Amino acid sequence: MGTPAPLGLEGAYSRGHRTTYDELRTRLLDVANVLLSSDGPESLTVRRIAAEASCSTQVIYTMFGSKEGLAEALYLEGFERFRRRLEAVPHRGDPLDHLTALGPAYREAALSEPGYYSLMFERAIPGFVPSERARTLARAALNIVDRVIADCISAGYVVPTQPRKVADALWAAAQGALTLERAGHLPDGKTYEIVTTATIQAFLVDRHKA
């Protein structure tokens, strides 16, 4: 196997430029997320974000195209952050244990990223509707749940069915409990644990009938 060729000045510049672009994009999304959480959707003006990020408004238009483009980028970034948290859950040898461990990780992601969560699930920006492409990418970001459920089916824990069917039921249960908890109607995560555990159990193979 040969030694990789040196980058050279042009390659090094390109890499540096890409890194700078990504860092600036991340900073702009972080600024927008903080503003959304602290000051509400009315604070998400291009001028305000540019001022907080110490850049020109033209930079934002160049990167995102419009305020709507920025909102969609925030929407996708939120799901990407959820994906990273779920993927970071240590792999368990037993797929059912792994599936159970994903629940607390999902709740932690929701509670630690209130700005992103409100945009992803609570229509925090009035009038913003994610494109069909964005919705598809958002759902794909949570595919780890589908994969672990498929492993549970293969291992004989979960009844044979489409993994997405189980994942969507689990997602709905989690979202319902999280909505109530975020609104202050639930004091802690106990109800979240109960409803997510019950949803998983509803799809488990009945060992007594096997």
N, C-alpha and C. Protein backbone atom coordinates (compact mmCIF):
# COMPACT_ATOMS: atom_id res chain seq x y z
N MET A 1 0.86 -1.20 0.00
CA MET A 1 0.00 0.00 0.00
C MET A 1 0.89 1.24 0.00
N GLY A 2 0.73 2.12 -0.96
CA GLY A 2 1.60 3.27 -1.12
C GLY A 2 1.34 4.35 -0.09
N THR A 3 2.31 5.19 0.08
CA THR A 3 2.17 6.33 0.98
C THR A 3 1.36 7.41 0.29
N PRO A 4 0.32 7.98 0.98
CA PRO A 4 -0.49 9.02 0.35
C PRO A 4 0.36 10.19 -0.11
N ALA A 5 0.02 10.74 -1.24
CA ALA A 5 0.76 11.90 -1.75
C ALA A 5 0.51 13.10 -0.86
N PRO A 6 1.50 13.97 -0.72
CA PRO A 6 1.31 15.16 0.12
C PRO A 6 0.21 16.04 -0.46
N LEU A 7 -0.44 16.75 0.42
CA LEU A 7 -1.55 17.61 -0.01
C LEU A 7 -1.08 18.71 -0.95
N GLY A 8 0.07 19.27 -0.69
CA GLY A 8 0.49 20.41 -1.48
C GLY A 8 -0.22 21.66 -0.99
N LEU A 9 0.20 22.80 -1.47
CA LEU A 9 -0.38 24.06 -1.02
C LEU A 9 -1.85 24.18 -1.39
N GLU A 10 -2.20 23.74 -2.60
CA GLU A 10 -3.60 23.88 -3.04
C GLU A 10 -4.51 23.00 -2.22
N GLY A 11 -4.06 21.74 -1.99
CA GLY A 11 -4.87 20.84 -1.19
C GLY A 11 -5.01 21.30 0.25
N ALA A 12 -3.91 21.77 0.80
CA ALA A 12 -3.94 22.26 2.17
C ALA A 12 -4.87 23.46 2.30
N TYR A 13 -4.85 24.33 1.30
CA TYR A 13 -5.73 25.51 1.32
C TYR A 13 -7.19 25.07 1.26
N SER A 14 -7.47 24.10 0.37
CA SER A 14 -8.85 23.63 0.22
C SER A 14 -9.36 23.03 1.51
N ARG A 15 -8.49 22.23 2.15
CA ARG A 15 -8.91 21.62 3.41
C ARG A 15 -9.14 22.70 4.46
N GLY A 16 -8.25 23.65 4.55
CA GLY A 16 -8.40 24.72 5.52
C GLY A 16 -9.65 25.54 5.27
N HIS A 17 -9.94 25.81 4.00
CA HIS A 17 -11.13 26.57 3.64
C HIS A 17 -12.39 25.82 4.04
N ARG A 18 -12.40 24.50 3.80
CA ARG A 18 -13.55 23.69 4.16
C ARG A 18 -13.78 23.68 5.67
N THR A 19 -12.66 23.57 6.40
CA THR A 19 -12.75 23.57 7.86
C THR A 19 -13.31 24.88 8.36
N THR A 20 -12.83 25.99 7.81
CA THR A 20 -13.32 27.31 8.21
C THR A 20 -14.81 27.45 7.91
N TYR A 21 -15.22 26.99 6.75
CA TYR A 21 -16.63 27.05 6.36
C TYR A 21 -17.49 26.27 7.35
N ASP A 22 -17.07 25.04 7.66
CA ASP A 22 -17.84 24.19 8.56
C ASP A 22 -17.92 24.80 9.96
N GLU A 23 -16.81 25.37 10.41
CA GLU A 23 -16.79 25.99 11.73
C GLU A 23 -17.73 27.18 11.79
N LEU A 24 -17.73 28.00 10.75
CA LEU A 24 -18.61 29.16 10.71
C LEU A 24 -20.07 28.73 10.63
N ARG A 25 -20.34 27.73 9.83
CA ARG A 25 -21.71 27.23 9.71
C ARG A 25 -22.21 26.71 11.06
N THR A 26 -21.37 25.96 11.75
CA THR A 26 -21.74 25.44 13.07
C THR A 26 -21.98 26.59 14.04
N ARG A 27 -21.14 27.62 13.99
CA ARG A 27 -21.31 28.76 14.89
C ARG A 27 -22.62 29.48 14.62
N LEU A 28 -22.96 29.65 13.36
CA LEU A 28 -24.21 30.32 13.02
C LEU A 28 -25.42 29.51 13.51
N LEU A 29 -25.36 28.20 13.35
CA LEU A 29 -26.46 27.36 13.83
C LEU A 29 -26.55 27.40 15.34
N ASP A 30 -25.41 27.41 16.02
CA ASP A 30 -25.41 27.48 17.48
C ASP A 30 -26.00 28.81 17.96
N VAL A 31 -25.63 29.91 17.29
CA VAL A 31 -26.17 31.22 17.64
C VAL A 31 -27.68 31.23 17.45
N ALA A 32 -28.14 30.74 16.32
CA ALA A 32 -29.58 30.70 16.03
C ALA A 32 -30.31 29.83 17.06
N ASN A 33 -29.71 28.72 17.43
CA ASN A 33 -30.32 27.82 18.42
C ASN A 33 -30.46 28.52 19.77
N VAL A 34 -29.42 29.22 20.20
CA VAL A 34 -29.47 29.94 21.48
C VAL A 34 -30.53 31.04 21.44
N LEU A 35 -30.58 31.78 20.35
CA LEU A 35 -31.58 32.84 20.23
C LEU A 35 -33.00 32.27 20.27
N LEU A 36 -33.21 31.15 19.58
CA LEU A 36 -34.53 30.53 19.56
C LEU A 36 -34.93 30.12 20.97
N SER A 37 -33.99 29.56 21.73
CA SER A 37 -34.29 29.11 23.09
C SER A 37 -34.51 30.26 24.05
N SER A 38 -33.70 31.32 23.92
CA SER A 38 -33.75 32.40 24.90
C SER A 38 -34.74 33.51 24.56
N ASP A 39 -34.84 33.86 23.28
CA ASP A 39 -35.64 35.02 22.89
C ASP A 39 -36.81 34.70 21.97
N GLY A 40 -36.98 33.44 21.61
CA GLY A 40 -38.12 33.06 20.79
C GLY A 40 -37.87 33.24 19.30
N PRO A 41 -38.81 32.77 18.48
CA PRO A 41 -38.63 32.77 17.02
C PRO A 41 -38.51 34.16 16.41
N GLU A 42 -39.08 35.17 17.06
CA GLU A 42 -39.01 36.52 16.49
C GLU A 42 -37.58 37.05 16.48
N SER A 43 -36.69 36.42 17.27
CA SER A 43 -35.30 36.87 17.31
C SER A 43 -34.49 36.33 16.13
N LEU A 44 -35.04 35.39 15.39
CA LEU A 44 -34.29 34.75 14.31
C LEU A 44 -34.34 35.57 13.02
N THR A 45 -33.84 36.78 13.10
CA THR A 45 -33.68 37.59 11.90
C THR A 45 -32.24 37.43 11.41
N VAL A 46 -32.05 37.56 10.13
CA VAL A 46 -30.70 37.42 9.57
C VAL A 46 -29.77 38.46 10.18
N ARG A 47 -30.27 39.68 10.35
CA ARG A 47 -29.45 40.76 10.91
C ARG A 47 -29.03 40.44 12.34
N ARG A 48 -29.97 39.93 13.16
CA ARG A 48 -29.66 39.61 14.57
C ARG A 48 -28.65 38.48 14.65
N ILE A 49 -28.84 37.45 13.87
CA ILE A 49 -27.92 36.31 13.90
C ILE A 49 -26.53 36.74 13.45
N ALA A 50 -26.47 37.55 12.41
CA ALA A 50 -25.17 38.03 11.91
C ALA A 50 -24.46 38.85 12.99
N ALA A 51 -25.21 39.69 13.68
CA ALA A 51 -24.61 40.53 14.72
C ALA A 51 -24.06 39.67 15.87
N GLU A 52 -24.84 38.68 16.28
CA GLU A 52 -24.42 37.81 17.38
C GLU A 52 -23.22 36.96 17.00
N ALA A 53 -23.14 36.57 15.71
CA ALA A 53 -22.05 35.72 15.25
C ALA A 53 -20.86 36.52 14.73
N SER A 54 -20.99 37.85 14.73
CA SER A 54 -19.92 38.74 14.25
C SER A 54 -19.54 38.44 12.80
N CYS A 55 -20.55 38.37 11.95
CA CYS A 55 -20.29 38.19 10.53
C CYS A 55 -21.28 39.05 9.75
N SER A 56 -21.16 39.07 8.44
CA SER A 56 -22.06 39.87 7.62
C SER A 56 -23.33 39.08 7.32
N THR A 57 -24.40 39.80 7.02
CA THR A 57 -25.64 39.13 6.63
C THR A 57 -25.45 38.36 5.32
N GLN A 58 -24.55 38.83 4.48
CA GLN A 58 -24.30 38.17 3.20
C GLN A 58 -23.78 36.75 3.41
N VAL A 59 -22.99 36.56 4.45
CA VAL A 59 -22.46 35.22 4.76
C VAL A 59 -23.61 34.26 5.01
N ILE A 60 -24.61 34.71 5.75
CA ILE A 60 -25.75 33.85 6.08
C ILE A 60 -26.55 33.53 4.81
N TYR A 61 -26.78 34.55 3.98
CA TYR A 61 -27.51 34.31 2.73
C TYR A 61 -26.73 33.37 1.82
N THR A 62 -25.41 33.49 1.80
CA THR A 62 -24.59 32.63 0.96
C THR A 62 -24.66 31.18 1.44
N MET A 63 -24.65 30.98 2.75
CA MET A 63 -24.64 29.63 3.30
C MET A 63 -26.02 28.97 3.26
N PHE A 64 -27.05 29.73 3.56
CA PHE A 64 -28.37 29.13 3.74
C PHE A 64 -29.41 29.59 2.73
N GLY A 65 -29.11 30.62 1.97
CA GLY A 65 -30.03 31.06 0.93
C GLY A 65 -31.10 32.02 1.41
N SER A 66 -31.68 31.74 2.58
CA SER A 66 -32.77 32.57 3.10
C SER A 66 -33.00 32.21 4.57
N LYS A 67 -33.90 32.92 5.21
CA LYS A 67 -34.25 32.60 6.59
C LYS A 67 -34.87 31.21 6.65
N GLU A 68 -35.66 30.86 5.63
CA GLU A 68 -36.28 29.54 5.58
C GLU A 68 -35.21 28.46 5.43
N GLY A 69 -34.18 28.76 4.64
CA GLY A 69 -33.09 27.82 4.49
C GLY A 69 -32.34 27.60 5.79
N LEU A 70 -32.19 28.68 6.56
CA LEU A 70 -31.56 28.58 7.86
C LEU A 70 -32.41 27.72 8.79
N ALA A 71 -33.72 27.92 8.77
CA ALA A 71 -34.61 27.14 9.63
C ALA A 71 -34.51 25.65 9.29
N GLU A 72 -34.45 25.33 8.01
CA GLU A 72 -34.34 23.92 7.61
C GLU A 72 -32.99 23.34 8.02
N ALA A 73 -31.94 24.15 7.94
CA ALA A 73 -30.62 23.69 8.39
C ALA A 73 -30.64 23.40 9.89
N LEU A 74 -31.32 24.26 10.66
CA LEU A 74 -31.46 24.03 12.09
C LEU A 74 -32.23 22.74 12.37
N TYR A 75 -33.28 22.54 11.61
CA TYR A 75 -34.11 21.33 11.75
C TYR A 75 -33.27 20.07 11.54
N LEU A 76 -32.48 20.07 10.48
CA LEU A 76 -31.64 18.91 10.18
C LEU A 76 -30.51 18.76 11.18
N GLU A 77 -29.94 19.87 11.64
CA GLU A 77 -28.88 19.81 12.63
C GLU A 77 -29.38 19.20 13.93
N GLY A 78 -30.62 19.53 14.29
CA GLY A 78 -31.19 18.95 15.50
C GLY A 78 -31.26 17.44 15.42
N PHE A 79 -31.73 16.93 14.30
CA PHE A 79 -31.81 15.48 14.14
C PHE A 79 -30.43 14.85 14.09
N GLU A 80 -29.48 15.55 13.49
CA GLU A 80 -28.11 15.02 13.45
C GLU A 80 -27.54 14.92 14.86
N ARG A 81 -27.84 15.88 15.70
CA ARG A 81 -27.34 15.83 17.08
C ARG A 81 -27.98 14.67 17.84
N PHE A 82 -29.27 14.44 17.60
CA PHE A 82 -29.94 13.29 18.20
C PHE A 82 -29.27 12.00 17.72
N ARG A 83 -28.97 11.92 16.43
CA ARG A 83 -28.34 10.72 15.87
C ARG A 83 -27.01 10.44 16.56
N ARG A 84 -26.21 11.49 16.74
CA ARG A 84 -24.91 11.29 17.36
C ARG A 84 -25.04 10.78 18.80
N ARG A 85 -26.02 11.29 19.52
CA ARG A 85 -26.22 10.84 20.90
C ARG A 85 -26.64 9.37 20.94
N LEU A 86 -27.53 8.98 20.04
CA LEU A 86 -27.98 7.59 20.01
C LEU A 86 -26.86 6.66 19.57
N GLU A 87 -26.08 7.09 18.58
CA GLU A 87 -24.97 6.27 18.09
C GLU A 87 -23.89 6.13 19.16
N ALA A 88 -23.82 7.09 20.09
CA ALA A 88 -22.79 7.07 21.13
C ALA A 88 -23.13 6.11 22.27
N VAL A 89 -24.36 5.61 22.30
CA VAL A 89 -24.73 4.64 23.34
C VAL A 89 -23.88 3.38 23.15
N PRO A 90 -23.14 2.96 24.18
CA PRO A 90 -22.28 1.78 24.05
C PRO A 90 -23.06 0.56 23.57
N HIS A 91 -22.49 -0.15 22.63
CA HIS A 91 -23.16 -1.33 22.08
C HIS A 91 -23.28 -2.42 23.14
N ARG A 92 -24.45 -3.00 23.23
CA ARG A 92 -24.69 -4.12 24.13
C ARG A 92 -24.65 -5.42 23.35
N GLY A 93 -24.21 -6.48 23.99
CA GLY A 93 -24.22 -7.77 23.32
C GLY A 93 -25.62 -8.27 23.09
N ASP A 94 -26.53 -7.89 23.99
CA ASP A 94 -27.93 -8.28 23.88
C ASP A 94 -28.71 -7.14 23.22
N PRO A 95 -29.33 -7.38 22.06
CA PRO A 95 -30.03 -6.28 21.36
C PRO A 95 -31.18 -5.67 22.14
N LEU A 96 -31.85 -6.47 22.98
CA LEU A 96 -32.95 -5.92 23.77
C LEU A 96 -32.42 -4.95 24.82
N ASP A 97 -31.28 -5.27 25.40
CA ASP A 97 -30.64 -4.34 26.34
C ASP A 97 -30.25 -3.05 25.62
N HIS A 98 -29.75 -3.19 24.40
CA HIS A 98 -29.34 -2.02 23.63
C HIS A 98 -30.55 -1.15 23.32
N LEU A 99 -31.65 -1.76 22.91
CA LEU A 99 -32.87 -1.00 22.61
C LEU A 99 -33.35 -0.26 23.84
N THR A 100 -33.33 -0.92 24.97
CA THR A 100 -33.77 -0.29 26.22
C THR A 100 -32.88 0.89 26.59
N ALA A 101 -31.57 0.78 26.30
CA ALA A 101 -30.63 1.85 26.64
C ALA A 101 -30.79 3.07 25.75
N LEU A 102 -31.37 2.91 24.57
CA LEU A 102 -31.56 4.05 23.67
C LEU A 102 -32.60 5.03 24.21
N GLY A 103 -33.55 4.53 25.00
CA GLY A 103 -34.61 5.40 25.52
C GLY A 103 -34.09 6.55 26.36
N PRO A 104 -33.29 6.30 27.39
CA PRO A 104 -32.75 7.40 28.20
C PRO A 104 -31.88 8.35 27.39
N ALA A 105 -31.15 7.81 26.40
CA ALA A 105 -30.30 8.67 25.56
C ALA A 105 -31.15 9.63 24.74
N TYR A 106 -32.28 9.16 24.24
CA TYR A 106 -33.18 10.02 23.46
C TYR A 106 -33.77 11.12 24.34
N ARG A 107 -34.18 10.75 25.55
CA ARG A 107 -34.73 11.75 26.47
C ARG A 107 -33.68 12.79 26.83
N GLU A 108 -32.46 12.36 27.09
CA GLU A 108 -31.38 13.29 27.42
C GLU A 108 -31.12 14.26 26.27
N ALA A 109 -31.16 13.75 25.04
CA ALA A 109 -30.97 14.62 23.88
C ALA A 109 -32.06 15.68 23.81
N ALA A 110 -33.29 15.27 24.05
CA ALA A 110 -34.42 16.20 23.97
C ALA A 110 -34.32 17.30 25.02
N LEU A 111 -33.97 16.93 26.24
CA LEU A 111 -33.95 17.90 27.33
C LEU A 111 -32.71 18.80 27.30
N SER A 112 -31.64 18.32 26.71
CA SER A 112 -30.41 19.12 26.67
C SER A 112 -30.33 20.04 25.46
N GLU A 113 -31.22 19.83 24.48
CA GLU A 113 -31.23 20.66 23.27
C GLU A 113 -32.63 21.26 23.08
N PRO A 114 -33.09 22.11 24.02
CA PRO A 114 -34.47 22.60 23.96
C PRO A 114 -34.79 23.41 22.71
N GLY A 115 -33.82 24.19 22.23
CA GLY A 115 -34.07 24.98 21.02
C GLY A 115 -34.30 24.09 19.81
N TYR A 116 -33.39 23.16 19.62
CA TYR A 116 -33.53 22.23 18.49
C TYR A 116 -34.79 21.39 18.63
N TYR A 117 -35.05 20.90 19.84
CA TYR A 117 -36.23 20.06 20.05
C TYR A 117 -37.51 20.80 19.70
N SER A 118 -37.61 22.06 20.13
CA SER A 118 -38.83 22.82 19.86
C SER A 118 -39.03 23.03 18.36
N LEU A 119 -37.95 23.17 17.63
CA LEU A 119 -38.06 23.33 16.18
C LEU A 119 -38.40 22.01 15.50
N MET A 120 -37.80 20.94 15.98
CA MET A 120 -38.01 19.63 15.38
C MET A 120 -39.43 19.10 15.58
N PHE A 121 -40.00 19.35 16.77
CA PHE A 121 -41.24 18.68 17.12
C PHE A 121 -42.39 19.60 17.54
N GLU A 122 -42.11 20.88 17.77
CA GLU A 122 -43.15 21.75 18.32
C GLU A 122 -43.44 22.98 17.46
N ARG A 123 -42.99 22.96 16.21
CA ARG A 123 -43.24 24.07 15.30
C ARG A 123 -42.89 25.41 15.94
N ALA A 124 -41.67 25.48 16.46
CA ALA A 124 -41.25 26.68 17.18
C ALA A 124 -41.18 27.91 16.29
N ILE A 125 -40.96 27.73 14.99
CA ILE A 125 -40.90 28.86 14.07
C ILE A 125 -42.20 28.87 13.27
N PRO A 126 -43.11 29.80 13.55
CA PRO A 126 -44.40 29.84 12.85
C PRO A 126 -44.20 29.92 11.34
N GLY A 127 -44.94 29.10 10.63
CA GLY A 127 -44.89 29.12 9.18
C GLY A 127 -43.82 28.23 8.56
N PHE A 128 -42.88 27.77 9.38
CA PHE A 128 -41.83 26.91 8.83
C PHE A 128 -42.34 25.49 8.67
N VAL A 129 -42.23 24.99 7.47
CA VAL A 129 -42.61 23.60 7.17
C VAL A 129 -41.42 22.94 6.47
N PRO A 130 -40.80 21.95 7.09
CA PRO A 130 -39.64 21.31 6.46
C PRO A 130 -40.02 20.65 5.14
N SER A 131 -39.10 20.67 4.20
CA SER A 131 -39.35 20.05 2.91
C SER A 131 -39.46 18.53 3.06
N GLU A 132 -39.99 17.88 2.04
CA GLU A 132 -40.10 16.42 2.07
C GLU A 132 -38.72 15.78 2.19
N ARG A 133 -37.75 16.38 1.51
CA ARG A 133 -36.37 15.88 1.59
C ARG A 133 -35.86 15.97 3.02
N ALA A 134 -36.14 17.10 3.68
CA ALA A 134 -35.67 17.29 5.05
C ALA A 134 -36.33 16.29 5.99
N ARG A 135 -37.61 16.03 5.78
CA ARG A 135 -38.33 15.06 6.62
C ARG A 135 -37.73 13.66 6.45
N THR A 136 -37.41 13.32 5.21
CA THR A 136 -36.82 12.01 4.93
C THR A 136 -35.46 11.88 5.61
N LEU A 137 -34.64 12.92 5.50
CA LEU A 137 -33.32 12.90 6.13
C LEU A 137 -33.44 12.88 7.66
N ALA A 138 -34.44 13.59 8.18
CA ALA A 138 -34.63 13.64 9.63
C ALA A 138 -34.98 12.25 10.16
N ARG A 139 -35.91 11.59 9.50
CA ARG A 139 -36.30 10.25 9.95
C ARG A 139 -35.14 9.27 9.80
N ALA A 140 -34.35 9.43 8.76
CA ALA A 140 -33.21 8.55 8.54
C ALA A 140 -32.16 8.70 9.65
N ALA A 141 -32.12 9.88 10.26
CA ALA A 141 -31.16 10.11 11.33
C ALA A 141 -31.43 9.23 12.54
N LEU A 142 -32.66 8.73 12.65
CA LEU A 142 -33.02 7.88 13.79
C LEU A 142 -33.05 6.41 13.42
N ASN A 143 -32.45 6.07 12.28
CA ASN A 143 -32.48 4.69 11.80
C ASN A 143 -31.79 3.70 12.71
N ILE A 144 -30.95 4.18 13.63
CA ILE A 144 -30.32 3.26 14.56
C ILE A 144 -31.36 2.49 15.36
N VAL A 145 -32.48 3.14 15.67
CA VAL A 145 -33.54 2.46 16.42
C VAL A 145 -34.11 1.32 15.58
N ASP A 146 -34.36 1.58 14.31
CA ASP A 146 -34.86 0.54 13.41
C ASP A 146 -33.89 -0.64 13.34
N ARG A 147 -32.58 -0.32 13.29
CA ARG A 147 -31.58 -1.39 13.17
C ARG A 147 -31.54 -2.26 14.42
N VAL A 148 -31.62 -1.63 15.58
CA VAL A 148 -31.58 -2.40 16.82
C VAL A 148 -32.85 -3.22 16.97
N ILE A 149 -33.99 -2.67 16.55
CA ILE A 149 -35.24 -3.43 16.59
C ILE A 149 -35.16 -4.64 15.66
N ALA A 150 -34.56 -4.44 14.48
CA ALA A 150 -34.37 -5.55 13.55
C ALA A 150 -33.52 -6.64 14.19
N ASP A 151 -32.51 -6.25 14.96
CA ASP A 151 -31.68 -7.22 15.67
C ASP A 151 -32.50 -7.96 16.73
N CYS A 152 -33.42 -7.23 17.38
CA CYS A 152 -34.28 -7.86 18.39
C CYS A 152 -35.22 -8.89 17.74
N ILE A 153 -35.68 -8.57 16.55
CA ILE A 153 -36.54 -9.50 15.82
C ILE A 153 -35.74 -10.75 15.44
N SER A 154 -34.54 -10.54 14.93
CA SER A 154 -33.69 -11.67 14.53
C SER A 154 -33.34 -12.56 15.72
N ALA A 155 -33.19 -11.93 16.90
CA ALA A 155 -32.83 -12.69 18.10
C ALA A 155 -34.04 -13.36 18.75
N GLY A 156 -35.23 -13.11 18.21
CA GLY A 156 -36.43 -13.74 18.73
C GLY A 156 -37.09 -13.04 19.88
N TYR A 157 -36.66 -11.81 20.18
CA TYR A 157 -37.28 -11.05 21.27
C TYR A 157 -38.58 -10.39 20.83
N VAL A 158 -38.56 -9.81 19.65
CA VAL A 158 -39.70 -9.02 19.15
C VAL A 158 -40.42 -9.82 18.06
N VAL A 159 -41.75 -9.70 18.04
CA VAL A 159 -42.55 -10.43 17.06
C VAL A 159 -42.14 -10.00 15.65
N PRO A 160 -42.15 -10.92 14.69
CA PRO A 160 -41.79 -10.57 13.31
C PRO A 160 -42.72 -9.50 12.75
N THR A 161 -42.19 -8.37 12.40
CA THR A 161 -42.95 -7.27 11.81
C THR A 161 -41.96 -6.30 11.20
N GLN A 162 -42.45 -5.23 10.60
CA GLN A 162 -41.56 -4.21 10.08
C GLN A 162 -40.94 -3.43 11.24
N PRO A 163 -39.61 -3.35 11.31
CA PRO A 163 -38.98 -2.60 12.41
C PRO A 163 -39.49 -1.17 12.53
N ARG A 164 -39.81 -0.56 11.39
CA ARG A 164 -40.31 0.82 11.43
C ARG A 164 -41.62 0.92 12.20
N LYS A 165 -42.45 -0.11 12.14
CA LYS A 165 -43.73 -0.10 12.86
C LYS A 165 -43.47 -0.01 14.37
N VAL A 166 -42.53 -0.79 14.87
CA VAL A 166 -42.19 -0.77 16.28
C VAL A 166 -41.52 0.56 16.65
N ALA A 167 -40.61 1.01 15.79
CA ALA A 167 -39.89 2.25 16.05
C ALA A 167 -40.84 3.44 16.12
N ASP A 168 -41.82 3.50 15.22
CA ASP A 168 -42.76 4.62 15.23
C ASP A 168 -43.64 4.61 16.48
N ALA A 169 -44.04 3.42 16.92
CA ALA A 169 -44.83 3.33 18.15
C ALA A 169 -44.01 3.79 19.35
N LEU A 170 -42.76 3.39 19.38
CA LEU A 170 -41.88 3.79 20.47
C LEU A 170 -41.61 5.29 20.43
N TRP A 171 -41.44 5.81 19.23
CA TRP A 171 -41.22 7.25 19.03
C TRP A 171 -42.42 8.04 19.54
N ALA A 172 -43.64 7.57 19.19
CA ALA A 172 -44.85 8.27 19.60
C ALA A 172 -44.99 8.28 21.13
N ALA A 173 -44.69 7.15 21.75
CA ALA A 173 -44.78 7.07 23.21
C ALA A 173 -43.78 8.02 23.86
N ALA A 174 -42.55 8.03 23.34
CA ALA A 174 -41.51 8.90 23.89
C ALA A 174 -41.89 10.36 23.74
N GLN A 175 -42.38 10.73 22.56
CA GLN A 175 -42.72 12.13 22.31
C GLN A 175 -43.87 12.61 23.19
N GLY A 176 -44.85 11.74 23.41
CA GLY A 176 -45.97 12.13 24.26
C GLY A 176 -45.52 12.45 25.68
N ALA A 177 -44.68 11.57 26.24
CA ALA A 177 -44.19 11.78 27.60
C ALA A 177 -43.28 13.00 27.66
N LEU A 178 -42.43 13.19 26.65
CA LEU A 178 -41.51 14.33 26.64
C LEU A 178 -42.27 15.65 26.54
N THR A 179 -43.32 15.69 25.75
CA THR A 179 -44.12 16.91 25.62
C THR A 179 -44.70 17.33 26.96
N LEU A 180 -45.24 16.34 27.68
CA LEU A 180 -45.82 16.64 29.00
C LEU A 180 -44.74 17.04 30.00
N GLU A 181 -43.60 16.38 29.95
CA GLU A 181 -42.52 16.72 30.88
C GLU A 181 -41.98 18.11 30.61
N ARG A 182 -41.78 18.45 29.34
CA ARG A 182 -41.26 19.77 28.99
C ARG A 182 -42.23 20.89 29.35
N ALA A 183 -43.52 20.56 29.34
CA ALA A 183 -44.53 21.56 29.68
C ALA A 183 -44.75 21.67 31.19
N GLY A 184 -44.03 20.84 31.95
CA GLY A 184 -44.14 20.92 33.40
C GLY A 184 -45.24 20.08 34.00
N HIS A 185 -45.89 19.25 33.20
CA HIS A 185 -46.98 18.42 33.71
C HIS A 185 -46.48 17.13 34.36
N LEU A 186 -45.23 16.77 34.08
CA LEU A 186 -44.62 15.60 34.70
C LEU A 186 -43.36 16.05 35.43
N PRO A 187 -43.15 15.59 36.67
CA PRO A 187 -42.03 16.08 37.47
C PRO A 187 -40.67 15.51 37.09
N ASP A 188 -40.68 14.35 36.45
CA ASP A 188 -39.41 13.69 36.13
C ASP A 188 -39.61 12.72 34.98
N GLY A 189 -38.63 11.83 34.78
CA GLY A 189 -38.67 10.92 33.65
C GLY A 189 -39.30 9.57 33.93
N LYS A 190 -39.96 9.41 35.07
CA LYS A 190 -40.52 8.11 35.41
C LYS A 190 -41.62 7.68 34.43
N THR A 191 -42.50 8.61 34.08
CA THR A 191 -43.57 8.28 33.14
C THR A 191 -42.99 7.95 31.76
N TYR A 192 -41.98 8.68 31.37
CA TYR A 192 -41.29 8.40 30.10
C TYR A 192 -40.79 6.96 30.10
N GLU A 193 -40.15 6.56 31.19
CA GLU A 193 -39.63 5.19 31.28
C GLU A 193 -40.76 4.17 31.23
N ILE A 194 -41.85 4.46 31.91
CA ILE A 194 -42.98 3.53 31.95
C ILE A 194 -43.59 3.33 30.56
N VAL A 195 -43.86 4.43 29.85
CA VAL A 195 -44.55 4.30 28.56
C VAL A 195 -43.64 3.72 27.48
N THR A 196 -42.36 4.04 27.53
CA THR A 196 -41.45 3.48 26.52
C THR A 196 -41.22 1.99 26.79
N THR A 197 -41.09 1.63 28.06
CA THR A 197 -40.93 0.22 28.40
C THR A 197 -42.18 -0.58 28.02
N ALA A 198 -43.35 -0.01 28.29
CA ALA A 198 -44.60 -0.69 27.96
C ALA A 198 -44.75 -0.88 26.46
N THR A 199 -44.30 0.10 25.68
CA THR A 199 -44.39 -0.01 24.22
C THR A 199 -43.51 -1.15 23.71
N ILE A 200 -42.29 -1.23 24.24
CA ILE A 200 -41.41 -2.33 23.84
C ILE A 200 -42.04 -3.67 24.22
N GLN A 201 -42.58 -3.74 25.42
CA GLN A 201 -43.16 -4.99 25.88
C GLN A 201 -44.35 -5.42 25.04
N ALA A 202 -45.06 -4.45 24.48
CA ALA A 202 -46.23 -4.77 23.65
C ALA A 202 -45.84 -5.53 22.39
N PHE A 203 -44.59 -5.43 21.98
CA PHE A 203 -44.14 -6.12 20.77
C PHE A 203 -43.28 -7.34 21.05
N LEU A 204 -43.06 -7.67 22.33
CA LEU A 204 -42.23 -8.81 22.66
C LEU A 204 -42.95 -10.12 22.38
N VAL A 205 -42.18 -11.12 22.03
CA VAL A 205 -42.72 -12.46 21.80
C VAL A 205 -43.23 -13.01 23.12
N ASP A 206 -44.41 -13.59 23.10
CA ASP A 206 -44.99 -14.21 24.30
C ASP A 206 -44.32 -15.58 24.47
N ARG A 207 -43.41 -15.66 25.42
CA ARG A 207 -42.67 -16.91 25.64
C ARG A 207 -43.56 -18.06 26.08
N HIS A 208 -44.70 -17.74 26.72
CA HIS A 208 -45.59 -18.79 27.19
C HIS A 208 -46.31 -19.47 26.04
N LYS A 209 -46.46 -18.73 24.90
CA LYS A 209 -47.15 -19.32 23.75
C LYS A 209 -46.16 -19.98 22.79
N ALA A 210 -44.88 -19.62 22.96
CA ALA A 210 -43.87 -20.16 22.04
C ALA A 210 -43.67 -21.66 22.25
